[in-house]
């Protein structure tokens, strides 16, 4: 059932993958039946009680993932996030190693000067 929302206030609702997939299928079916893209997303979103912008973004991403539109696929975006996380971790590890090398280098230097 559609939930009532305050005007201008974004919803914090989380949708399941099944809900998203059903909305995408409905938009694509409606587009095929009418032969037009105009108004299909709004119509489906209103029917399901979902945000129009949410449904529009899901459909656009599905079109990219299926190769119908240019853009970064979901898999590519996930891989980029993984690689960025790995880079952050490696930079932190390098910083620790640099500090350790500086510390132990200074300690060895003190021992040889005695």
N, C-alpha and C. Protein backbone atom coordinates (compact mmCIF):
# COMPACT_ATOMS: atom_id res chain seq x y z
N UNK A 1 0.83 -1.17 0.00
CA UNK A 1 0.00 0.00 0.00
C UNK A 1 0.87 1.24 0.00
N UNK A 2 0.51 2.25 -0.75
CA UNK A 2 1.30 3.47 -0.77
C UNK A 2 1.30 4.15 0.58
N UNK A 3 2.48 4.65 0.94
CA UNK A 3 2.60 5.39 2.19
C UNK A 3 2.46 6.87 1.89
N UNK A 4 1.83 7.59 2.80
CA UNK A 4 1.71 9.03 2.64
C UNK A 4 3.03 9.67 3.02
N UNK A 5 3.48 10.62 2.20
CA UNK A 5 4.73 11.32 2.48
C UNK A 5 4.46 12.81 2.53
N UNK A 6 5.26 13.49 3.33
CA UNK A 6 5.16 14.95 3.39
C UNK A 6 5.73 15.53 2.12
N UNK A 7 5.10 16.58 1.62
CA UNK A 7 5.58 17.22 0.39
C UNK A 7 6.96 17.80 0.63
N UNK A 8 7.88 17.52 -0.29
CA UNK A 8 9.22 18.07 -0.22
C UNK A 8 10.15 17.35 0.73
N UNK A 9 9.66 16.35 1.41
CA UNK A 9 10.49 15.62 2.37
C UNK A 9 10.84 14.26 1.77
N UNK A 10 12.13 13.98 1.56
CA UNK A 10 12.49 12.70 0.96
C UNK A 10 12.20 11.52 1.89
N UNK A 11 11.87 10.41 1.29
CA UNK A 11 11.59 9.19 2.04
C UNK A 11 12.90 8.48 2.37
N UNK A 12 12.93 7.79 3.48
CA UNK A 12 14.11 7.01 3.84
C UNK A 12 13.84 5.52 3.69
N UNK A 13 12.78 5.19 2.98
CA UNK A 13 12.41 3.79 2.78
C UNK A 13 13.46 3.07 1.95
N UNK A 14 13.75 1.84 2.33
CA UNK A 14 14.65 0.97 1.57
C UNK A 14 13.81 -0.06 0.84
N UNK A 15 14.11 -0.26 -0.41
CA UNK A 15 13.36 -1.20 -1.24
C UNK A 15 14.19 -2.46 -1.43
N UNK A 16 13.52 -3.61 -1.45
CA UNK A 16 14.23 -4.87 -1.67
C UNK A 16 14.59 -4.99 -3.15
N UNK A 17 15.49 -5.88 -3.44
CA UNK A 17 15.87 -6.12 -4.84
C UNK A 17 14.67 -6.64 -5.63
N UNK A 18 13.80 -7.40 -4.98
CA UNK A 18 12.61 -7.92 -5.66
C UNK A 18 11.65 -6.78 -6.01
N UNK A 19 11.49 -5.82 -5.10
CA UNK A 19 10.63 -4.67 -5.37
C UNK A 19 11.18 -3.84 -6.53
N UNK A 20 12.49 -3.63 -6.52
CA UNK A 20 13.13 -2.87 -7.59
C UNK A 20 12.96 -3.58 -8.94
N UNK A 21 13.22 -4.90 -8.94
CA UNK A 21 13.12 -5.68 -10.18
C UNK A 21 11.70 -5.67 -10.73
N UNK A 22 10.71 -5.76 -9.84
CA UNK A 22 9.32 -5.74 -10.27
C UNK A 22 8.98 -4.38 -10.90
N UNK A 23 9.43 -3.30 -10.29
CA UNK A 23 9.17 -1.96 -10.84
C UNK A 23 9.83 -1.81 -12.21
N UNK A 24 11.05 -2.28 -12.34
CA UNK A 24 11.76 -2.20 -13.63
C UNK A 24 11.01 -2.98 -14.70
N UNK A 25 10.57 -4.20 -14.36
CA UNK A 25 9.80 -5.02 -15.31
C UNK A 25 8.52 -4.31 -15.73
N UNK A 26 7.84 -3.70 -14.75
CA UNK A 26 6.59 -3.01 -15.06
C UNK A 26 6.83 -1.83 -16.00
N UNK A 27 7.89 -1.06 -15.75
CA UNK A 27 8.19 0.08 -16.64
C UNK A 27 8.50 -0.42 -18.04
N UNK A 28 9.32 -1.45 -18.13
CA UNK A 28 9.70 -1.97 -19.45
C UNK A 28 8.48 -2.55 -20.19
N UNK A 29 7.61 -3.23 -19.47
CA UNK A 29 6.41 -3.79 -20.08
C UNK A 29 5.50 -2.67 -20.58
N UNK A 30 5.31 -1.66 -19.76
CA UNK A 30 4.46 -0.53 -20.14
C UNK A 30 5.05 0.20 -21.35
N UNK A 31 6.36 0.35 -21.37
CA UNK A 31 7.00 0.99 -22.53
C UNK A 31 6.76 0.18 -23.79
N UNK A 32 6.88 -1.14 -23.68
CA UNK A 32 6.68 -2.00 -24.85
C UNK A 32 5.22 -1.96 -25.32
N UNK A 33 4.31 -1.94 -24.38
CA UNK A 33 2.88 -1.91 -24.73
C UNK A 33 2.46 -0.59 -25.38
N UNK A 34 2.96 0.50 -24.84
CA UNK A 34 2.55 1.82 -25.34
C UNK A 34 3.42 2.32 -26.48
N UNK A 35 4.63 1.76 -26.57
CA UNK A 35 5.57 2.22 -27.60
C UNK A 35 6.15 3.58 -27.27
N UNK A 36 6.02 3.99 -26.04
CA UNK A 36 6.50 5.31 -25.63
C UNK A 36 7.14 5.21 -24.26
N UNK A 37 8.13 6.07 -24.02
CA UNK A 37 8.75 6.14 -22.70
C UNK A 37 8.14 7.24 -21.87
N UNK A 38 7.42 8.13 -22.50
CA UNK A 38 6.87 9.31 -21.82
C UNK A 38 5.86 8.92 -20.74
N UNK A 39 6.16 9.27 -19.48
CA UNK A 39 5.23 9.06 -18.38
C UNK A 39 5.18 7.67 -17.79
N UNK A 40 5.94 6.73 -18.35
CA UNK A 40 5.84 5.36 -17.86
C UNK A 40 6.39 5.21 -16.44
N UNK A 41 7.50 5.86 -16.17
CA UNK A 41 8.11 5.75 -14.85
C UNK A 41 7.17 6.33 -13.79
N UNK A 42 6.63 7.51 -14.05
CA UNK A 42 5.73 8.15 -13.09
C UNK A 42 4.49 7.29 -12.85
N UNK A 43 3.97 6.74 -13.92
CA UNK A 43 2.76 5.91 -13.81
C UNK A 43 3.01 4.69 -12.93
N UNK A 44 4.14 4.01 -13.16
CA UNK A 44 4.47 2.82 -12.37
C UNK A 44 4.77 3.21 -10.92
N UNK A 45 5.53 4.27 -10.74
CA UNK A 45 5.87 4.72 -9.38
C UNK A 45 4.61 5.07 -8.59
N UNK A 46 3.70 5.79 -9.22
CA UNK A 46 2.45 6.15 -8.55
C UNK A 46 1.63 4.91 -8.21
N UNK A 47 1.60 3.97 -9.14
CA UNK A 47 0.82 2.75 -8.93
C UNK A 47 1.37 1.94 -7.76
N UNK A 48 2.70 1.90 -7.63
CA UNK A 48 3.32 1.11 -6.56
C UNK A 48 3.51 1.90 -5.27
N UNK A 49 3.36 3.22 -5.35
CA UNK A 49 3.58 4.05 -4.17
C UNK A 49 5.05 4.30 -3.89
N UNK A 50 5.88 4.22 -4.93
CA UNK A 50 7.31 4.45 -4.80
C UNK A 50 7.63 5.85 -5.28
N UNK A 51 8.81 6.33 -4.94
CA UNK A 51 9.25 7.63 -5.42
C UNK A 51 9.57 7.56 -6.91
N UNK A 52 9.16 8.57 -7.65
CA UNK A 52 9.39 8.60 -9.09
C UNK A 52 10.88 8.59 -9.39
N UNK A 53 11.64 9.40 -8.67
CA UNK A 53 13.09 9.48 -8.92
C UNK A 53 13.77 8.15 -8.62
N UNK A 54 13.33 7.45 -7.59
CA UNK A 54 13.92 6.13 -7.28
C UNK A 54 13.70 5.17 -8.44
N UNK A 55 12.47 5.09 -8.91
CA UNK A 55 12.15 4.17 -10.01
C UNK A 55 12.92 4.57 -11.26
N UNK A 56 13.00 5.88 -11.54
CA UNK A 56 13.72 6.35 -12.72
C UNK A 56 15.19 5.91 -12.66
N UNK A 57 15.81 6.06 -11.49
CA UNK A 57 17.21 5.66 -11.34
C UNK A 57 17.40 4.16 -11.48
N UNK A 58 16.47 3.37 -10.93
CA UNK A 58 16.57 1.91 -11.06
C UNK A 58 16.48 1.48 -12.52
N UNK A 59 15.55 2.07 -13.25
CA UNK A 59 15.37 1.72 -14.66
C UNK A 59 16.61 2.12 -15.45
N UNK A 60 17.11 3.32 -15.19
CA UNK A 60 18.30 3.79 -15.91
C UNK A 60 19.49 2.87 -15.64
N UNK A 61 19.70 2.49 -14.36
CA UNK A 61 20.82 1.60 -14.04
C UNK A 61 20.63 0.24 -14.67
N UNK A 62 19.40 -0.28 -14.70
CA UNK A 62 19.13 -1.57 -15.34
C UNK A 62 19.42 -1.49 -16.83
N UNK A 63 19.08 -0.37 -17.46
CA UNK A 63 19.37 -0.18 -18.88
C UNK A 63 20.87 -0.17 -19.12
N UNK A 64 21.63 0.46 -18.23
CA UNK A 64 23.09 0.47 -18.35
C UNK A 64 23.63 -0.93 -18.16
N UNK A 65 23.17 -1.62 -17.11
CA UNK A 65 23.66 -2.98 -16.83
C UNK A 65 23.36 -3.95 -17.98
N UNK A 66 22.23 -3.73 -18.66
CA UNK A 66 21.85 -4.60 -19.77
C UNK A 66 22.47 -4.18 -21.10
N UNK A 67 23.25 -3.10 -21.09
CA UNK A 67 23.93 -2.65 -22.30
C UNK A 67 23.08 -1.83 -23.24
N UNK A 68 21.91 -1.38 -22.78
CA UNK A 68 21.03 -0.57 -23.62
C UNK A 68 21.39 0.91 -23.58
N UNK A 69 22.14 1.31 -22.56
CA UNK A 69 22.55 2.71 -22.38
C UNK A 69 24.00 2.74 -21.98
N UNK A 70 24.68 3.82 -22.31
CA UNK A 70 26.07 3.99 -21.90
C UNK A 70 26.12 4.43 -20.44
N UNK A 71 27.14 3.97 -19.75
CA UNK A 71 27.31 4.36 -18.35
C UNK A 71 28.11 3.31 -17.62
N UNK A 72 28.31 3.53 -16.33
CA UNK A 72 29.07 2.61 -15.50
C UNK A 72 28.11 1.56 -14.93
N UNK A 73 28.40 0.31 -15.23
CA UNK A 73 27.53 -0.77 -14.76
C UNK A 73 27.67 -0.96 -13.26
N UNK A 74 26.72 -1.63 -12.68
CA UNK A 74 26.73 -1.90 -11.24
C UNK A 74 27.97 -2.69 -10.86
N UNK A 75 28.34 -3.69 -11.67
CA UNK A 75 29.53 -4.49 -11.39
C UNK A 75 30.80 -3.65 -11.46
N UNK A 76 30.89 -2.78 -12.46
CA UNK A 76 32.06 -1.91 -12.58
C UNK A 76 32.15 -0.95 -11.41
N UNK A 77 31.04 -0.39 -10.99
CA UNK A 77 31.03 0.54 -9.86
C UNK A 77 31.46 -0.17 -8.58
N UNK A 78 31.00 -1.41 -8.39
CA UNK A 78 31.39 -2.18 -7.21
C UNK A 78 32.89 -2.46 -7.23
N UNK A 79 33.41 -2.80 -8.40
CA UNK A 79 34.85 -3.09 -8.53
C UNK A 79 35.67 -1.83 -8.23
N UNK A 80 35.22 -0.68 -8.71
CA UNK A 80 35.92 0.58 -8.43
C UNK A 80 35.93 0.86 -6.93
N UNK A 81 34.79 0.64 -6.26
CA UNK A 81 34.73 0.85 -4.80
C UNK A 81 35.70 -0.08 -4.08
N UNK A 82 35.77 -1.35 -4.52
CA UNK A 82 36.69 -2.30 -3.91
C UNK A 82 38.14 -1.85 -4.09
N UNK A 83 38.46 -1.42 -5.30
CA UNK A 83 39.83 -0.99 -5.58
C UNK A 83 40.19 0.28 -4.80
N UNK A 84 39.24 1.20 -4.67
CA UNK A 84 39.49 2.41 -3.89
C UNK A 84 39.73 2.07 -2.42
N UNK A 85 38.98 1.11 -1.89
CA UNK A 85 39.18 0.67 -0.51
C UNK A 85 40.56 0.03 -0.35
N UNK A 86 40.94 -0.78 -1.32
CA UNK A 86 42.26 -1.42 -1.29
C UNK A 86 43.37 -0.38 -1.32
N UNK A 87 43.23 0.64 -2.15
CA UNK A 87 44.22 1.72 -2.23
C UNK A 87 44.34 2.43 -0.88
N UNK A 88 43.19 2.72 -0.23
CA UNK A 88 43.22 3.38 1.09
C UNK A 88 43.97 2.52 2.10
N UNK A 89 43.69 1.21 2.10
CA UNK A 89 44.35 0.30 3.03
C UNK A 89 45.84 0.22 2.76
N UNK A 90 46.23 0.16 1.49
CA UNK A 90 47.65 0.09 1.15
C UNK A 90 48.37 1.39 1.53
N UNK A 91 47.72 2.52 1.35
CA UNK A 91 48.33 3.80 1.75
C UNK A 91 48.53 3.85 3.26
N UNK A 92 47.54 3.37 4.01
CA UNK A 92 47.70 3.33 5.47
C UNK A 92 48.85 2.41 5.86
N UNK A 93 48.92 1.23 5.22
CA UNK A 93 49.99 0.28 5.53
C UNK A 93 51.35 0.89 5.18
N UNK A 94 51.44 1.58 4.04
CA UNK A 94 52.71 2.22 3.67
C UNK A 94 53.11 3.28 4.68
N UNK A 95 52.14 4.03 5.19
CA UNK A 95 52.43 5.06 6.19
C UNK A 95 52.97 4.43 7.47
N UNK A 96 52.37 3.31 7.88
CA UNK A 96 52.86 2.60 9.07
C UNK A 96 54.28 2.11 8.84
N UNK A 97 54.52 1.55 7.66
CA UNK A 97 55.87 1.04 7.36
C UNK A 97 56.90 2.17 7.31
N UNK A 98 56.53 3.31 6.76
CA UNK A 98 57.44 4.46 6.73
C UNK A 98 57.79 4.92 8.14
N UNK A 99 56.77 5.00 9.00
CA UNK A 99 57.00 5.42 10.39
C UNK A 99 57.87 4.41 11.12
N UNK A 100 57.61 3.12 10.88
CA UNK A 100 58.41 2.07 11.52
C UNK A 100 59.86 2.13 11.04
N UNK A 101 60.05 2.33 9.74
CA UNK A 101 61.41 2.42 9.19
C UNK A 101 62.14 3.62 9.78
N UNK A 102 61.45 4.74 9.91
CA UNK A 102 62.06 5.93 10.49
C UNK A 102 62.43 5.68 11.95
N UNK A 103 61.52 5.06 12.70
CA UNK A 103 61.78 4.77 14.11
C UNK A 103 62.97 3.84 14.27
N UNK A 104 62.95 2.71 13.54
CA UNK A 104 64.03 1.74 13.71
C UNK A 104 65.34 2.24 13.13
N UNK A 105 65.25 3.05 12.07
CA UNK A 105 66.47 3.65 11.53
C UNK A 105 67.12 4.58 12.54
N UNK A 106 66.32 5.37 13.21
CA UNK A 106 66.83 6.28 14.23
C UNK A 106 67.39 5.49 15.40
N UNK A 107 66.75 4.39 15.78
CA UNK A 107 67.23 3.55 16.89
C UNK A 107 68.58 2.93 16.55
N UNK A 108 68.72 2.42 15.33
CA UNK A 108 70.00 1.84 14.91
C UNK A 108 71.09 2.91 14.87
N UNK A 109 70.73 4.08 14.42
CA UNK A 109 71.68 5.19 14.34
C UNK A 109 72.19 5.54 15.73
N UNK A 110 71.32 5.54 16.74
CA UNK A 110 71.72 5.85 18.11
C UNK A 110 72.68 4.77 18.65
N UNK A 111 72.43 3.52 18.32
CA UNK A 111 73.29 2.42 18.81
C UNK A 111 74.70 2.49 18.23
N UNK A 112 74.78 2.85 16.95
CA UNK A 112 76.10 2.90 16.31
C UNK A 112 76.92 4.09 16.76
N UNK A 113 76.27 5.13 17.23
CA UNK A 113 76.99 6.34 17.67
C UNK A 113 77.54 6.17 19.07
N UNK A 114 77.12 5.20 19.81
CA UNK A 114 77.61 5.01 21.20
C UNK A 114 78.99 4.52 21.24
